[in-house]
N, C-alpha and C. Protein backbone atom coordinates (compact mmCIF):
# COMPACT_ATOMS: atom_id res chain seq x y z
N UNK A 1 1.57 -1.17 -0.30
CA UNK A 1 -0.08 -0.01 -0.17
C UNK A 1 1.13 1.19 0.01
N UNK A 2 0.66 2.10 -0.11
CA UNK A 2 0.72 3.95 -0.52
C UNK A 2 0.56 4.57 0.63
N UNK A 3 1.19 5.75 0.67
CA UNK A 3 0.19 6.89 1.51
C UNK A 3 1.25 7.85 1.17
N UNK A 4 0.63 9.28 1.35
CA UNK A 4 1.03 10.32 0.46
C UNK A 4 1.41 10.75 2.09
N UNK A 5 3.35 12.10 2.07
CA UNK A 5 2.83 12.90 3.36
C UNK A 5 4.04 14.19 3.33
N UNK A 6 3.00 14.88 2.74
CA UNK A 6 3.97 16.06 2.07
C UNK A 6 3.69 15.78 0.37
N UNK A 7 5.24 16.32 0.12
CA UNK A 7 5.50 15.69 -0.59
C UNK A 7 6.28 14.58 -1.40
N UNK A 8 6.43 13.74 -0.17
CA UNK A 8 6.82 12.04 -0.07
C UNK A 8 5.77 11.42 -0.57
N UNK A 9 6.32 10.09 -1.18
CA UNK A 9 5.29 8.92 -0.51
C UNK A 9 5.82 7.96 -0.39
N UNK A 10 5.19 6.98 0.86
CA UNK A 10 5.75 6.43 1.80
C UNK A 10 4.83 4.63 0.67
N UNK A 11 5.57 3.17 0.77
CA UNK A 11 5.25 1.93 0.09
C UNK A 11 5.49 1.36 1.42
N UNK A 12 4.92 0.66 1.86
CA UNK A 12 4.29 0.09 3.27
C UNK A 12 4.46 -1.23 2.57
N UNK A 13 4.91 -2.02 2.98
CA UNK A 13 4.27 -3.80 2.14
C UNK A 13 4.52 -4.77 4.50
N UNK A 14 3.05 -6.07 4.71
CA UNK A 14 3.18 -6.15 6.04
C UNK A 14 3.04 -7.99 5.45
N UNK A 15 3.30 -8.23 6.85
CA UNK A 15 3.55 -10.04 6.53
C UNK A 15 3.14 -10.31 8.63
N UNK A 16 2.83 -11.32 8.13
CA UNK A 16 2.35 -11.83 9.55
C UNK A 16 3.28 -13.20 10.08
N UNK A 17 4.56 -12.78 9.69
CA UNK A 17 5.77 -13.83 9.13
C UNK A 17 6.10 -14.15 10.51
N UNK A 18 7.37 -14.46 10.39
CA UNK A 18 8.29 -14.88 12.10
C UNK A 18 8.51 -13.59 12.90
N UNK A 19 8.68 -12.41 11.91
CA UNK A 19 9.41 -11.47 13.11
C UNK A 19 10.32 -11.10 13.22
N UNK A 20 11.35 -10.03 13.88
CA UNK A 20 12.60 -9.86 13.87
C UNK A 20 12.09 -9.17 15.65
N UNK A 21 13.37 -8.73 16.27
CA UNK A 21 13.66 -9.03 17.49
C UNK A 21 14.18 -7.61 17.43
N UNK A 22 13.97 -6.60 16.56
CA UNK A 22 14.19 -5.37 16.29
C UNK A 22 15.01 -4.14 17.75
N UNK A 23 14.67 -4.35 18.98
CA UNK A 23 15.67 -3.93 19.89
C UNK A 23 17.33 -4.78 20.26
N UNK A 24 17.36 -6.10 19.67
CA UNK A 24 18.23 -6.97 19.59
C UNK A 24 19.10 -6.53 18.24
N UNK A 25 18.35 -6.67 17.26
CA UNK A 25 18.75 -6.61 16.33
C UNK A 25 18.62 -5.21 14.94
N UNK A 26 17.78 -4.41 15.38
CA UNK A 26 18.02 -3.56 14.48
C UNK A 26 19.13 -2.67 14.05
N UNK A 27 19.88 -2.75 14.78
CA UNK A 27 21.19 -1.92 14.05
C UNK A 27 21.88 -2.28 13.00
N UNK A 28 21.47 -4.15 12.84
CA UNK A 28 22.32 -4.63 11.83
C UNK A 28 21.79 -4.87 11.16
N UNK A 29 19.64 -4.95 10.93
CA UNK A 29 18.72 -4.82 9.87
C UNK A 29 19.50 -5.07 8.90
N UNK A 30 19.78 -3.74 7.77
CA UNK A 30 19.97 -3.29 6.55
C UNK A 30 21.84 -4.01 6.64
N UNK A 31 22.52 -4.43 6.83
CA UNK A 31 23.75 -4.57 6.83
C UNK A 31 23.90 -5.67 5.71
N UNK A 32 25.31 -6.27 4.90
CA UNK A 32 25.51 -7.15 4.29
C UNK A 32 25.60 -8.42 4.88
N UNK A 33 25.09 -9.66 5.21
CA UNK A 33 25.25 -10.48 5.25
C UNK A 33 24.70 -11.00 6.38
N UNK A 34 23.60 -10.13 7.47
CA UNK A 34 22.96 -10.05 8.44
C UNK A 34 22.04 -11.11 7.90
N UNK A 35 21.66 -12.50 8.82
CA UNK A 35 20.99 -13.26 8.69
C UNK A 35 19.76 -13.60 10.76
N UNK A 36 18.06 -13.23 10.94
CA UNK A 36 18.05 -13.33 11.67
C UNK A 36 17.17 -14.74 11.72
N UNK A 37 16.87 -15.50 11.11
CA UNK A 37 16.61 -17.02 10.95
C UNK A 37 16.90 -17.68 10.37
N UNK A 38 17.05 -19.09 10.74
CA UNK A 38 17.26 -19.67 10.41
C UNK A 38 17.14 -20.83 8.77
N UNK A 39 16.55 -20.37 8.09
CA UNK A 39 16.02 -20.54 6.86
C UNK A 39 17.26 -20.96 5.93
N UNK A 40 17.07 -21.80 5.22
CA UNK A 40 18.49 -22.59 3.87
C UNK A 40 18.74 -21.61 3.09
N UNK A 41 17.65 -21.15 3.10
CA UNK A 41 18.08 -19.65 1.90
C UNK A 41 18.36 -18.98 1.78
N UNK A 42 18.40 -18.00 2.67
CA UNK A 42 18.61 -17.14 3.50
C UNK A 42 19.70 -16.64 2.92
N UNK A 43 20.27 -15.55 2.41
CA UNK A 43 21.46 -15.05 2.19
C UNK A 43 22.18 -13.78 2.92
N UNK A 44 21.58 -13.05 3.45
CA UNK A 44 21.47 -11.55 3.91
C UNK A 44 21.79 -10.64 2.82
N UNK A 45 21.79 -10.80 1.72
CA UNK A 45 21.86 -10.13 0.75
C UNK A 45 20.27 -8.65 0.47
N UNK A 46 19.49 -9.32 0.70
CA UNK A 46 18.34 -8.73 0.00
C UNK A 46 18.30 -7.19 0.48
N UNK A 47 17.52 -7.23 1.75
CA UNK A 47 17.60 -5.61 2.97
C UNK A 47 18.46 -4.54 2.60
N UNK A 48 20.45 -5.66 2.33
CA UNK A 48 21.20 -4.85 2.09
C UNK A 48 21.38 -3.94 0.89
N UNK A 49 20.71 -4.49 -0.12
CA UNK A 49 20.33 -3.84 -1.74
C UNK A 49 19.18 -3.56 -1.93
N UNK A 50 18.33 -3.34 -1.11
CA UNK A 50 17.27 -2.73 -1.31
C UNK A 50 17.12 -1.51 -0.70
N UNK A 51 17.74 -1.70 0.30
CA UNK A 51 18.79 -0.31 1.11
C UNK A 51 19.78 0.94 0.16
N UNK A 52 20.35 -0.24 -0.23
CA UNK A 52 21.50 0.53 -1.03
C UNK A 52 20.61 1.21 -1.79
N UNK A 53 19.71 1.12 -2.75
CA UNK A 53 18.76 1.02 -4.11
C UNK A 53 18.42 2.36 -3.95
N UNK A 54 17.91 2.39 -2.71
CA UNK A 54 16.53 3.33 -2.57
C UNK A 54 17.10 4.33 -1.69
N UNK A 55 18.08 4.66 -1.26
CA UNK A 55 19.08 5.44 -0.98
C UNK A 55 20.00 5.82 -1.92
N UNK A 56 20.52 5.36 -3.12
CA UNK A 56 20.59 6.07 -4.10
C UNK A 56 19.62 6.90 -4.65
N UNK A 57 18.41 6.76 -4.94
CA UNK A 57 17.15 7.84 -4.95
C UNK A 57 16.80 9.11 -3.95
N UNK A 58 17.93 9.16 -2.98
CA UNK A 58 17.93 9.58 -2.16
C UNK A 58 15.87 9.61 -1.49
N UNK A 59 16.15 8.40 -1.16
CA UNK A 59 14.88 7.31 -0.38
C UNK A 59 15.14 6.94 1.21
N UNK A 60 14.60 6.60 1.76
CA UNK A 60 14.61 5.81 3.32
C UNK A 60 13.87 4.33 3.13
N UNK A 61 14.27 3.63 4.15
CA UNK A 61 14.08 2.69 4.54
C UNK A 61 13.95 1.85 5.88
N UNK A 62 13.01 1.74 6.68
CA UNK A 62 12.67 1.21 8.31
C UNK A 62 11.80 0.19 7.97
N UNK A 63 11.92 -0.01 9.08
CA UNK A 63 10.68 -1.29 9.29
C UNK A 63 10.43 -1.50 11.00
N UNK A 64 9.61 -2.11 11.42
CA UNK A 64 8.57 -2.03 12.68
C UNK A 64 8.58 -3.91 12.80
N UNK A 65 8.75 -4.98 13.97
CA UNK A 65 8.02 -5.68 13.75
C UNK A 65 8.37 -6.10 15.08
N UNK A 66 7.48 -7.78 15.34
CA UNK A 66 7.70 -8.01 16.63
C UNK A 66 7.56 -9.47 16.34
N UNK A 67 8.55 -10.37 17.12
CA UNK A 67 8.67 -11.51 17.32
C UNK A 67 7.30 -12.27 17.28
N UNK A 68 7.77 -12.93 16.46
CA UNK A 68 6.56 -14.14 16.14
C UNK A 68 5.09 -13.22 15.66
N UNK A 69 4.91 -12.28 15.45
CA UNK A 69 3.64 -11.51 14.62
C UNK A 69 3.86 -10.92 13.47
N UNK A 70 5.10 -10.59 12.86
CA UNK A 70 5.21 -10.18 11.64
C UNK A 70 5.96 -9.14 11.49
N UNK A 71 5.94 -8.51 10.44
CA UNK A 71 7.02 -7.32 9.98
C UNK A 71 6.46 -6.31 9.22
N UNK A 72 6.55 -5.21 9.16
CA UNK A 72 6.11 -3.84 8.47
C UNK A 72 7.69 -3.07 7.74
N UNK A 73 7.15 -3.23 6.54
CA UNK A 73 8.76 -2.38 6.31
C UNK A 73 8.11 -0.98 5.26
N UNK A 74 9.41 0.09 4.88
CA UNK A 74 8.97 1.11 5.18
C UNK A 74 9.68 1.60 4.06
N UNK A 75 9.15 2.16 2.66
CA UNK A 75 10.44 2.76 1.59
C UNK A 75 9.81 4.07 1.47
N UNK A 76 10.07 5.23 1.45
CA UNK A 76 9.82 6.70 1.71
C UNK A 76 10.46 7.41 0.75
N UNK A 77 9.34 7.72 -0.74
CA UNK A 77 10.52 8.27 -1.39
C UNK A 77 10.27 10.00 -1.79
N UNK A 78 11.42 10.50 -2.00
CA UNK A 78 11.02 12.59 -1.35
C UNK A 78 11.31 12.77 -2.68
N UNK A 79 10.39 14.26 -2.51
CA UNK A 79 10.64 15.21 -3.35
C UNK A 79 9.19 15.23 -4.55
N UNK A 80 9.04 14.33 -3.98
CA UNK A 80 8.02 13.49 -5.76
C UNK A 80 6.94 14.98 -6.22
N UNK A 81 6.79 15.57 -6.77
CA UNK A 81 5.45 16.03 -7.63
C UNK A 81 4.10 16.40 -6.97
N UNK A 82 3.93 17.09 -6.30
CA UNK A 82 2.70 17.06 -5.41
C UNK A 82 1.18 17.11 -5.97
């Protein structure tokens, strides 16, 4: 879903999956090779790459999450025409 905030658009997506303990791991969330679950296909590149791409267009990304309840990821695209 999306919402407008002034001249910015915020895209957000939520799930009801495993969630993450952001108080414990929040500072590592968008770092390269950081993995928070023991799924065999997880490599720890996805969030790092997304953050790099979003920052390259002057946007920002952040998350809210609760263990065993899911996560919501937000991407803000700034300076868009009103």
